[in-house]
Amino acid sequence: MKKSNKEFNKIDSISELHRFLGLPKPEHPLVSVVKCSDIREENGEPITNYLNGFYIISVKKDFTGKMKYGQQYYDFDEGVMSFIAPGQMISNTTTNHKGLSLIFHPDFIRNYPLAHIIKNYGFFSYSVNEALHLSEKEEIMILLLMQNIEQEYHGAIDSLTQNVIVSQIDLFLNYCNRFYNRQFITRSSVSNDLLVKLENMLTEYFDNEKLSETGPPSVQYISEQLHVSSNYLSDMLRSLTGQNTQQHIHSKLIEKAKEVLATTTLSVSEVAYQLGFEYTQSFNKLFKNKTNMSPREFRQSFN
């Protein structure tokens, strides 16, 4: 385990992680399934910051403490799934919970298609408070898949062990993706509240006279204002509207452009400037892409 001068631990191997968490030596050097109740605090002190070098997927039950993700703490009071990618900072204030964690090193999947596919799963960039909530049936299925992976490396490791485990991880992530998409639907009241807040925010933003100076809002700005991660916001919007956050911003922007074109005599260049575009060509291109006509053609359609 390597110490840095930034007061956190950088953990590069599964063996280091097991030692750090007070666990027995791992059976496989690149993949492990850990019982959360087996994790032990170091010298009786709560586990502190560490820079994670692995994919860690956890199902937490009866979690009575807090987890810090970035600069914020989050409470857990029910069984949830969390997804952590390599390079993220983790800090637990307690380990008083049950459940399982699947841990695997990026090298374990490096020569497989999954190494590229896994980058498309936005939930590895979700914040902890955007964790996946499982039904009892879904939880049983997820835990069974984890146990199957554990059983595979419990046995005699042969030339096909890695292929089998990677296939199981691939299946596991596909189920997680399905359950997240389901969550956006079943927790629609939460999603719809977020959508209303987004609409109100964009309306206020585009009605601001300073738009010409600030330019259109970025996805990062919007997600920060709504206190959600950018990936979670885009995935939620896509499930409700078929558009990600950037597309949603552009649609709102074009609606504002239509309003200005139809109700003022400003030139197209002046409209573009008022909406925060540095170059008129960029405005023309976006408008035509969204409406199949140029701003000038749109205005002429009213005559």
Foldseek 3Di string as FASTA:
>chain_A
DDDDPPPAAEDAWPQSVCVLQVHPGALDTFKDKDWLVNGDADPPAFRAKYQFQWKKKWWWACDQFWKDFDHDIDGDGGTWIAIAHHGGMIGTRHSPTTTMMIIGGLVLCVPDPVNVVVVVPLRNVWDPVLTQDDDPVLRVVLVVLSVVLNVLSVDDDDPCSSVVNVVSVVVSVVSVSVSSLVCLVVVVVVLVVLVVVLVVVLVVQLVDQCQLVPAQDDLCVSCVVSVIDSSSQQSSCCSVPVGGPVVVSLVSLLVSLLVPLQPHPDDLVVSCSSNHHPDSVVVQVSNCVVPVDGSVVSSVVVD
